[in-house]
Amino acid sequence: MRILAARLRRRLSQHAFADRVPMSRVTLGSVERGQHVATLTTYRKLAAALGVDVGDLVTERVPTWR
């Protein structure tokens, strides 16, 4: 699960989510688009605000081959 997808699943606007983290909307948008690399501390704050594990925000699901 990525940051943007997780935020949208919770029906949070970027503004509301940025207020929860707290983080500027500009920085949050950059992190969501992958234009800014966030620190682990920031990922922890993002995950806490979304109610998910940090790993859910930074890992991609790898298809299982059979």
N, C-alpha and C. Protein backbone atom coordinates (compact mmCIF):
# COMPACT_ATOMS: atom_id res chain seq x y z
N MET A 1 0.85 -1.17 0.00
CA MET A 1 0.00 0.00 0.00
C MET A 1 0.90 1.24 0.00
N ARG A 2 0.64 2.12 -0.84
CA ARG A 2 1.41 3.36 -0.91
C ARG A 2 0.70 4.48 -0.16
N ILE A 3 1.40 5.56 0.04
CA ILE A 3 0.87 6.67 0.83
C ILE A 3 -0.40 7.25 0.21
N LEU A 4 -0.35 7.58 -1.06
CA LEU A 4 -1.52 8.18 -1.71
C LEU A 4 -2.71 7.23 -1.68
N ALA A 5 -2.48 5.97 -2.01
CA ALA A 5 -3.57 4.98 -2.01
C ALA A 5 -4.17 4.83 -0.61
N ALA A 6 -3.31 4.79 0.39
CA ALA A 6 -3.79 4.66 1.77
C ALA A 6 -4.60 5.89 2.18
N ARG A 7 -4.13 7.05 1.78
CA ARG A 7 -4.85 8.29 2.12
C ARG A 7 -6.22 8.32 1.45
N LEU A 8 -6.26 7.95 0.19
CA LEU A 8 -7.53 7.96 -0.54
C LEU A 8 -8.50 6.92 0.00
N ARG A 9 -7.99 5.77 0.43
CA ARG A 9 -8.86 4.74 1.02
C ARG A 9 -9.53 5.25 2.29
N ARG A 10 -8.86 6.13 2.96
CA ARG A 10 -9.43 6.70 4.18
C ARG A 10 -10.19 7.99 3.92
N ARG A 11 -10.30 8.31 2.65
CA ARG A 11 -11.05 9.49 2.20
C ARG A 11 -10.57 10.78 2.87
N LEU A 12 -9.26 10.89 2.98
CA LEU A 12 -8.65 12.08 3.55
C LEU A 12 -8.17 12.99 2.43
N SER A 13 -8.47 14.25 2.55
CA SER A 13 -7.89 15.21 1.61
C SER A 13 -6.41 15.36 1.95
N GLN A 14 -5.67 15.86 1.01
CA GLN A 14 -4.25 16.09 1.26
C GLN A 14 -4.08 17.09 2.40
N HIS A 15 -4.93 18.08 2.42
CA HIS A 15 -4.87 19.10 3.47
C HIS A 15 -5.13 18.49 4.85
N ALA A 16 -6.18 17.68 4.97
CA ALA A 16 -6.51 17.07 6.26
C ALA A 16 -5.41 16.11 6.71
N PHE A 17 -4.88 15.35 5.77
CA PHE A 17 -3.82 14.40 6.11
C PHE A 17 -2.55 15.13 6.53
N ALA A 18 -2.20 16.18 5.81
CA ALA A 18 -1.01 16.97 6.16
C ALA A 18 -1.14 17.56 7.56
N ASP A 19 -2.34 17.97 7.92
CA ASP A 19 -2.57 18.50 9.27
C ASP A 19 -2.39 17.42 10.33
N ARG A 20 -2.78 16.19 10.02
CA ARG A 20 -2.65 15.09 10.98
C ARG A 20 -1.20 14.69 11.22
N VAL A 21 -0.34 14.84 10.22
CA VAL A 21 1.01 14.27 10.30
C VAL A 21 1.88 14.95 11.36
N PRO A 22 2.10 16.19 11.52
CA PRO A 22 1.89 17.37 10.67
C PRO A 22 3.04 17.54 9.67
N MET A 23 2.65 18.03 8.49
CA MET A 23 3.61 18.22 7.40
C MET A 23 2.96 19.21 6.43
N SER A 24 3.78 19.96 5.72
CA SER A 24 3.21 20.88 4.75
C SER A 24 2.59 20.09 3.60
N ARG A 25 1.55 20.64 3.00
CA ARG A 25 0.91 19.96 1.86
C ARG A 25 1.88 19.81 0.69
N VAL A 26 2.75 20.78 0.51
CA VAL A 26 3.71 20.72 -0.59
C VAL A 26 4.66 19.54 -0.39
N THR A 27 5.19 19.38 0.81
CA THR A 27 6.09 18.27 1.11
C THR A 27 5.35 16.95 1.00
N LEU A 28 4.15 16.88 1.54
CA LEU A 28 3.36 15.65 1.47
C LEU A 28 3.12 15.26 0.01
N GLY A 29 2.76 16.21 -0.81
CA GLY A 29 2.55 15.93 -2.23
C GLY A 29 3.80 15.40 -2.90
N SER A 30 4.94 15.97 -2.55
CA SER A 30 6.21 15.52 -3.11
C SER A 30 6.54 14.10 -2.67
N VAL A 31 6.25 13.77 -1.43
CA VAL A 31 6.49 12.42 -0.92
C VAL A 31 5.55 11.44 -1.63
N GLU A 32 4.30 11.81 -1.77
CA GLU A 32 3.33 10.93 -2.44
C GLU A 32 3.71 10.66 -3.89
N ARG A 33 4.27 11.65 -4.56
CA ARG A 33 4.67 11.49 -5.96
C ARG A 33 6.05 10.86 -6.13
N GLY A 34 6.74 10.65 -5.01
CA GLY A 34 8.07 10.07 -5.08
C GLY A 34 9.15 11.05 -5.47
N GLN A 35 8.86 12.33 -5.37
CA GLN A 35 9.83 13.36 -5.72
C GLN A 35 10.69 13.75 -4.52
N HIS A 36 10.30 13.31 -3.35
CA HIS A 36 11.01 13.63 -2.12
C HIS A 36 11.15 12.35 -1.32
N VAL A 37 12.34 12.06 -0.87
CA VAL A 37 12.56 10.87 -0.05
C VAL A 37 12.40 11.25 1.41
N ALA A 38 11.43 10.62 2.06
CA ALA A 38 11.14 10.93 3.46
C ALA A 38 12.05 10.12 4.38
N THR A 39 12.26 10.63 5.56
CA THR A 39 13.04 9.92 6.57
C THR A 39 12.18 8.83 7.19
N LEU A 40 12.81 7.91 7.89
CA LEU A 40 12.08 6.87 8.59
C LEU A 40 11.13 7.47 9.63
N THR A 41 11.57 8.52 10.28
CA THR A 41 10.71 9.21 11.26
C THR A 41 9.45 9.73 10.59
N THR A 42 9.60 10.31 9.41
CA THR A 42 8.45 10.81 8.67
C THR A 42 7.53 9.68 8.26
N TYR A 43 8.10 8.57 7.79
CA TYR A 43 7.27 7.41 7.42
C TYR A 43 6.51 6.89 8.64
N ARG A 44 7.13 6.92 9.79
CA ARG A 44 6.43 6.49 11.01
C ARG A 44 5.24 7.40 11.30
N LYS A 45 5.43 8.70 11.13
CA LYS A 45 4.34 9.65 11.36
C LYS A 45 3.22 9.44 10.34
N LEU A 46 3.59 9.24 9.09
CA LEU A 46 2.60 9.00 8.04
C LEU A 46 1.80 7.73 8.33
N ALA A 47 2.51 6.68 8.69
CA ALA A 47 1.86 5.40 8.98
C ALA A 47 0.93 5.53 10.18
N ALA A 48 1.37 6.21 11.22
CA ALA A 48 0.54 6.40 12.41
C ALA A 48 -0.73 7.17 12.07
N ALA A 49 -0.59 8.21 11.25
CA ALA A 49 -1.75 9.03 10.86
C ALA A 49 -2.74 8.23 10.01
N LEU A 50 -2.23 7.24 9.29
CA LEU A 50 -3.08 6.41 8.43
C LEU A 50 -3.55 5.13 9.11
N GLY A 51 -2.95 4.81 10.25
CA GLY A 51 -3.31 3.59 10.95
C GLY A 51 -2.82 2.32 10.27
N VAL A 52 -1.64 2.41 9.64
CA VAL A 52 -1.05 1.25 8.96
C VAL A 52 0.38 1.06 9.45
N ASP A 53 1.00 -0.05 9.08
CA ASP A 53 2.41 -0.28 9.40
C ASP A 53 3.28 0.47 8.40
N VAL A 54 4.46 0.86 8.85
CA VAL A 54 5.40 1.55 7.97
C VAL A 54 5.69 0.70 6.72
N GLY A 55 5.84 -0.60 6.91
CA GLY A 55 6.12 -1.49 5.79
C GLY A 55 5.07 -1.45 4.70
N ASP A 56 3.82 -1.17 5.08
CA ASP A 56 2.75 -1.07 4.09
C ASP A 56 2.94 0.14 3.17
N LEU A 57 3.65 1.13 3.64
CA LEU A 57 3.85 2.34 2.85
C LEU A 57 5.07 2.27 1.95
N VAL A 58 6.01 1.42 2.28
CA VAL A 58 7.27 1.43 1.54
C VAL A 58 7.54 0.18 0.71
N THR A 59 6.70 -0.85 0.84
CA THR A 59 6.94 -2.05 0.08
C THR A 59 5.88 -2.20 -1.00
N GLU A 60 6.32 -2.79 -2.08
CA GLU A 60 5.39 -3.11 -3.16
C GLU A 60 5.10 -4.59 -3.08
N ARG A 61 3.90 -4.94 -3.45
CA ARG A 61 3.56 -6.35 -3.46
C ARG A 61 4.25 -7.02 -4.64
N VAL A 62 4.93 -8.07 -4.35
CA VAL A 62 5.62 -8.81 -5.41
C VAL A 62 4.75 -10.00 -5.80
N PRO A 63 4.50 -10.16 -7.10
CA PRO A 63 3.64 -11.29 -7.50
C PRO A 63 4.31 -12.63 -7.17
N THR A 64 3.48 -13.58 -6.79
CA THR A 64 4.00 -14.91 -6.49
C THR A 64 3.91 -15.74 -7.76
N TRP A 65 5.00 -16.33 -8.11
CA TRP A 65 5.03 -17.16 -9.33
C TRP A 65 4.79 -18.61 -8.94
N ARG A 66 3.97 -19.27 -9.67
CA ARG A 66 3.65 -20.69 -9.39
C ARG A 66 4.13 -21.54 -10.52
